[in-house]
Protein backbone atom coordinates (compact mmCIF):
# COMPACT_ATOMS: atom_id res chain seq x y z
CA MET A 1 -83.94 -28.73 67.68
CA LYS A 2 -85.00 -25.84 65.65
CA HIS A 3 -82.37 -23.94 67.10
CA ALA A 4 -79.84 -26.33 66.03
CA ILE A 5 -81.19 -26.19 62.47
CA CYS A 6 -80.96 -22.35 62.46
CA LYS A 7 -77.44 -22.50 63.54
CA TRP A 8 -76.67 -24.82 61.07
CA ILE A 9 -78.11 -22.85 58.20
CA PHE A 10 -76.66 -19.77 59.62
CA GLY A 11 -73.01 -21.51 59.44
CA LEU A 12 -73.63 -22.56 56.11
CA ILE A 13 -74.49 -19.07 54.80
CA LEU A 14 -71.26 -17.64 56.23
CA SER A 15 -69.31 -20.31 54.54
CA ILE A 16 -70.74 -19.61 51.22
CA LEU A 17 -70.27 -15.89 51.64
CA PHE A 18 -66.62 -16.42 52.61
CA LEU A 19 -65.92 -18.61 49.65
CA GLN A 20 -67.46 -16.08 47.48
CA GLN A 21 -65.11 -13.53 48.93
CA VAL A 22 -62.13 -15.53 48.67
CA SER A 23 -63.02 -16.39 44.91
CA TYR A 24 -63.31 -12.53 44.07
CA ALA A 25 -60.16 -11.99 45.66
CA TYR A 26 -58.61 -14.54 43.52
CA VAL A 27 -60.19 -12.95 40.45
CA VAL A 28 -59.13 -9.50 41.37
CA GLN A 29 -55.47 -10.82 42.22
CA ASP A 30 -55.17 -12.45 38.72
CA ASN A 31 -56.60 -9.43 36.99
CA LEU A 32 -54.03 -7.27 38.69
CA LEU A 33 -50.88 -9.84 37.96
CA ASP A 34 -52.30 -10.13 34.15
CA GLU A 35 -52.41 -6.20 34.04
CA THR A 36 -48.78 -6.02 35.75
CA THR A 37 -47.54 -8.66 33.48
CA GLN A 38 -48.94 -6.73 30.28
CA GLN A 39 -47.54 -3.54 31.50
CA THR A 40 -44.27 -4.99 32.25
CA ASP A 41 -44.07 -6.54 28.91
CA GLU A 42 -45.11 -3.29 27.38
CA ASN A 43 -42.41 -1.51 29.14
CA GLU A 44 -39.84 -4.10 28.17
CA SER A 45 -40.95 -3.86 24.74
CA ALA A 46 -40.76 -0.18 24.63
CA THR A 47 -37.29 -0.26 26.14
CA LEU A 48 -36.01 -2.72 23.61
CA GLU A 49 -37.29 -0.60 20.95
CA GLU A 50 -35.68 2.63 22.25
CA GLU A 51 -32.46 0.64 22.71
CA GLU A 52 -32.55 -0.70 18.94
CA ASP A 53 -33.30 3.00 17.92
CA GLY A 54 -30.38 4.09 19.99
CA LEU A 55 -28.05 1.49 18.39
CA GLU A 56 -29.25 2.39 14.88
CA ASN A 57 -28.73 5.98 15.60
CA ASP A 58 -25.28 5.24 16.87
CA GLU A 59 -24.53 3.13 14.01
CA GLU A 60 -25.63 6.12 11.52
CA ILE A 61 -23.63 8.66 13.63
CA GLN A 62 -20.50 6.55 13.73
CA GLN A 63 -20.97 5.72 9.85
CA VAL A 64 -21.50 9.42 9.19
CA ASP A 65 -18.63 10.31 11.37
CA VAL A 66 -16.28 7.61 9.50
CA ASN A 67 -17.19 8.87 6.08
CA GLU A 68 -16.79 12.39 7.19
CA VAL A 69 -13.34 11.65 8.63
CA SER A 70 -12.32 9.77 5.44
CA GLN A 71 -13.69 12.48 3.12
CA THR A 72 -12.07 15.25 5.13
CA THR A 73 -8.89 13.38 5.03
CA ARG A 74 -8.65 12.80 1.54
CA GLU A 75 -9.90 16.50 0.57
CA ASP A 76 -7.28 17.94 3.08
CA ASN A 77 -4.51 15.84 1.77
CA ASP A 78 -4.76 16.53 -2.06
CA PRO A 79 -7.43 17.83 -4.29
CA GLU A 80 -7.50 14.67 -6.42
CA GLY A 81 -8.48 12.71 -3.49
CA PHE A 82 -5.16 10.99 -3.03
CA LEU A 83 -3.71 10.05 0.21
CA ASN A 84 -0.53 11.78 1.31
CA TYR A 85 1.78 8.67 0.57
CA GLU A 86 0.10 8.26 -2.62
CA THR A 87 0.63 11.79 -3.61
CA ASN A 88 4.29 11.68 -2.58
CA ASN A 89 4.72 8.27 -4.70
CA ILE A 90 2.96 9.94 -7.83
CA LYS A 91 5.15 13.04 -7.53
CA ILE A 92 8.43 11.01 -7.28
CA PHE A 93 7.73 8.93 -10.10
CA GLN A 94 6.38 11.81 -12.37
CA ASP A 95 9.46 13.91 -11.34
CA ASN A 96 11.98 11.36 -12.18
CA LEU A 97 10.33 9.75 -15.70
CA TYR A 98 12.80 11.82 -17.79
CA SER A 99 15.94 10.93 -15.59
CA VAL A 100 15.46 7.31 -15.67
CA VAL A 101 16.98 5.33 -18.85
CA TYR A 102 17.09 1.97 -20.31
CA VAL A 103 20.65 0.42 -20.99
CA GLY A 104 21.18 -2.13 -23.59
CA LYS A 105 24.43 -3.98 -24.12
CA LEU A 106 25.46 -5.60 -27.53
CA ASN A 107 28.11 -8.02 -28.19
CA GLU A 108 29.56 -9.12 -31.44
CA VAL A 109 28.87 -12.59 -32.41
CA PRO A 110 29.68 -14.69 -35.64
CA ASP A 111 26.62 -15.11 -37.98
CA ARG A 112 24.89 -18.56 -37.55
CA TYR A 113 25.19 -19.56 -41.22
CA PHE A 114 28.53 -17.46 -42.24
CA ASN A 115 30.96 -17.28 -39.76
CA HIS A 116 32.86 -14.45 -41.54
CA LEU A 117 30.07 -12.32 -41.00
CA ILE A 118 29.86 -10.39 -37.69
CA THR A 119 26.45 -9.28 -36.12
CA LYS A 120 25.66 -7.51 -32.91
CA LYS A 121 23.22 -9.24 -30.46
CA LEU A 122 21.57 -8.00 -27.49
CA THR A 123 23.11 -9.75 -24.49
CA GLY A 124 21.87 -7.67 -21.50
CA THR A 125 19.61 -4.79 -20.52
CA GLY A 126 19.60 -2.70 -17.33
CA SER A 127 18.48 0.72 -16.12
CA GLY A 128 20.41 3.86 -15.38
CA PHE A 129 19.87 7.61 -14.73
CA VAL A 130 20.91 10.77 -16.20
CA TRP A 131 23.73 12.47 -14.14
CA ASP A 132 24.04 15.91 -15.89
CA ASP A 133 23.32 17.95 -19.21
CA ALA A 134 26.40 16.59 -20.72
CA GLY A 135 24.65 13.22 -21.15
CA HIS A 136 26.50 11.13 -18.64
CA ILE A 137 24.46 8.08 -17.67
CA VAL A 138 25.32 6.25 -14.21
CA THR A 139 24.35 2.63 -13.90
CA ASN A 140 25.91 -0.67 -12.57
CA HIS A 141 29.04 -2.07 -13.60
CA HIS A 142 27.55 -5.60 -13.94
CA VAL A 143 24.97 -4.10 -16.41
CA VAL A 144 27.53 -3.07 -18.97
CA GLU A 145 30.46 -5.49 -18.21
CA GLY A 146 31.73 -7.24 -21.13
CA GLY A 147 29.83 -5.39 -23.67
CA ASP A 148 31.12 -4.20 -27.19
CA ASP A 149 28.49 -1.55 -27.77
CA TYR A 150 25.84 0.16 -25.52
CA PHE A 151 22.84 2.12 -26.50
CA ILE A 152 20.46 4.24 -24.19
CA LYS A 153 16.64 4.80 -24.36
CA PHE A 154 14.81 7.82 -22.71
CA TYR A 155 11.28 8.02 -21.83
CA ASN A 156 8.87 8.96 -24.25
CA ASP A 157 11.64 8.82 -26.93
CA HIS A 158 11.33 6.30 -29.52
CA ARG A 159 14.89 6.82 -30.66
CA THR A 160 18.00 4.88 -29.61
CA TYR A 161 21.11 6.76 -28.41
CA LYS A 162 24.60 5.25 -28.79
CA ALA A 163 26.68 5.37 -25.75
CA SER A 164 30.29 4.54 -24.69
CA ILE A 165 31.88 3.60 -21.31
CA VAL A 166 33.71 6.65 -19.82
CA GLY A 167 34.50 5.15 -16.36
CA VAL A 168 34.02 2.14 -14.16
CA ASP A 169 34.38 1.41 -10.50
CA SER A 170 34.10 -2.43 -10.31
CA GLY A 171 34.54 -2.57 -6.57
CA ASN A 172 31.38 -0.60 -5.98
CA ASP A 173 29.82 -1.82 -9.03
CA ILE A 174 29.48 1.61 -10.75
CA ALA A 175 29.89 2.51 -14.40
CA VAL A 176 29.56 5.90 -16.28
CA LEU A 177 28.37 6.00 -19.88
CA LYS A 178 27.98 9.14 -22.26
CA VAL A 179 25.37 9.15 -24.91
CA HIS A 180 26.96 10.42 -28.30
CA SER A 181 24.11 12.74 -28.85
CA SER A 182 21.79 14.30 -26.58
CA SER A 183 18.01 13.92 -26.28
CA PRO A 184 15.48 16.50 -25.70
CA HIS A 185 13.96 14.15 -23.11
CA GLN A 186 16.85 13.90 -20.86
CA VAL A 187 16.70 15.44 -17.45
CA PRO A 188 19.46 15.30 -14.78
CA ILE A 189 18.40 13.55 -11.64
CA THR A 190 18.37 15.31 -8.22
CA VAL A 191 21.37 14.03 -6.06
CA GLY A 192 20.98 13.30 -2.39
CA THR A 193 23.18 11.69 0.19
CA SER A 194 23.41 8.26 1.69
CA ARG A 195 25.31 9.50 4.83
CA ASP A 196 22.08 10.10 6.88
CA LEU A 197 19.92 7.24 5.86
CA VAL A 198 17.84 5.70 8.48
CA ILE A 199 16.51 2.20 8.64
CA GLY A 200 12.82 2.40 8.22
CA GLN A 201 12.72 5.47 5.85
CA LYS A 202 11.17 5.41 2.42
CA ALA A 203 12.82 3.91 -0.52
CA VAL A 204 11.56 4.08 -4.00
CA ALA A 205 13.00 2.10 -6.81
CA ILE A 206 12.31 3.07 -10.53
CA GLY A 207 13.73 1.13 -13.37
CA ASN A 208 12.96 -1.06 -16.31
CA PRO A 209 12.43 -4.88 -14.88
CA LEU A 210 12.63 -7.66 -16.93
CA GLY A 211 13.04 -5.63 -20.21
CA MET A 212 9.82 -3.81 -19.80
CA ASP A 213 9.00 -0.19 -19.63
CA ILE A 214 9.76 2.04 -16.74
CA SER A 215 8.05 0.99 -13.49
CA LEU A 216 7.99 1.92 -9.90
CA SER A 217 8.32 -0.10 -6.75
CA VAL A 218 8.12 1.39 -3.13
CA GLY A 219 9.52 -0.07 0.21
CA VAL A 220 11.67 1.13 2.97
CA ILE A 221 15.43 0.94 3.93
CA SER A 222 15.64 -2.36 5.63
CA ALA A 223 19.45 -2.29 6.61
CA LEU A 224 22.68 -0.24 5.86
CA LYS A 225 26.18 -1.32 5.48
CA ARG A 226 25.43 -4.66 4.05
CA THR A 227 28.21 -6.82 2.61
CA SER A 228 27.26 -9.24 -0.21
CA LYS A 229 29.08 -11.62 -2.47
CA ILE A 230 27.78 -11.52 -5.94
CA LYS A 231 29.41 -13.91 -8.72
CA GLY A 232 32.43 -14.30 -6.76
CA ARG A 233 32.72 -10.50 -6.09
CA ILE A 234 32.24 -8.90 -2.77
CA TYR A 235 30.41 -5.61 -2.32
CA ARG A 236 30.55 -3.61 0.98
CA GLY A 237 28.49 -0.75 2.34
CA MET A 238 25.43 -1.60 0.32
CA VAL A 239 21.99 -0.23 1.26
CA GLN A 240 19.11 -2.98 1.62
CA THR A 241 15.61 -2.52 0.91
CA ASP A 242 12.54 -4.43 0.58
CA ALA A 243 11.35 -2.60 -2.39
CA ALA A 244 10.77 -4.84 -5.22
CA ILE A 245 13.87 -5.05 -7.43
CA ASN A 246 13.74 -7.58 -10.37
CA PRO A 247 16.62 -8.14 -13.30
CA GLY A 248 16.43 -5.07 -15.29
CA ASN A 249 16.04 -2.75 -12.19
CA SER A 250 19.93 -2.95 -11.88
CA GLY A 251 21.27 0.51 -12.40
CA GLY A 252 18.27 2.34 -11.68
CA PRO A 253 18.26 4.98 -8.87
CA LEU A 254 16.96 4.29 -5.25
CA LEU A 255 15.16 7.49 -4.36
CA ASN A 256 13.96 9.07 -0.99
CA SER A 257 10.66 10.68 -0.26
CA ASN A 258 12.04 13.92 -1.64
CA GLY A 259 12.86 12.00 -4.94
CA GLU A 260 16.65 12.39 -4.37
CA VAL A 261 19.14 9.45 -5.23
């Protein structure tokens, strides 16, 4: 009997010791898991911070690179900071300001109240350009067609100069006028050629649209050798452009990137 009791007590002690060891093992394992998880979280957090820092640095580097390239491009192209195509547009405009003129057409009409009195009325306006130092002005025929008298205005010159027609080519819509007295502001335009025009090359129109002062519009050559019917008249061999051309631009020059008509 005593032997059985002793055996039972010894077994109980062994069970208690085993349970304590198992519990201790679970506690150690849990602690290790907590430490591993904490270390992993810290490593992931550090990695994310490094990636964010890297992205910020990349963005800063990229931003600096773009700014440097943009600044370098502008500084290399022009000391004023304009891009190449802007500099070219400005040069073409400034070089031809004194070559492009305002053309006015006058017609004699009876006075509204006294029919025996004749007055001159402005019936049309357009543009033109100085051909030579002799004062010849080239414009479109339809700009001066049907007029009784004509006048020319030059850029930066407040005076009005009388002009007369010296020749027309209605088939090509061209007319030539000559001013009666020269202006100190008239400068002959630079003449180029239309034989080697290419679709897609630059086209610059300068004129007096809608009766306003001289202005510039830029486009490209859209097509060549076009045929068009305007007011019952057929014109052939025309140059088509997408540069903005409004009423009043007629007769003005269409220039290439060298500023040649």
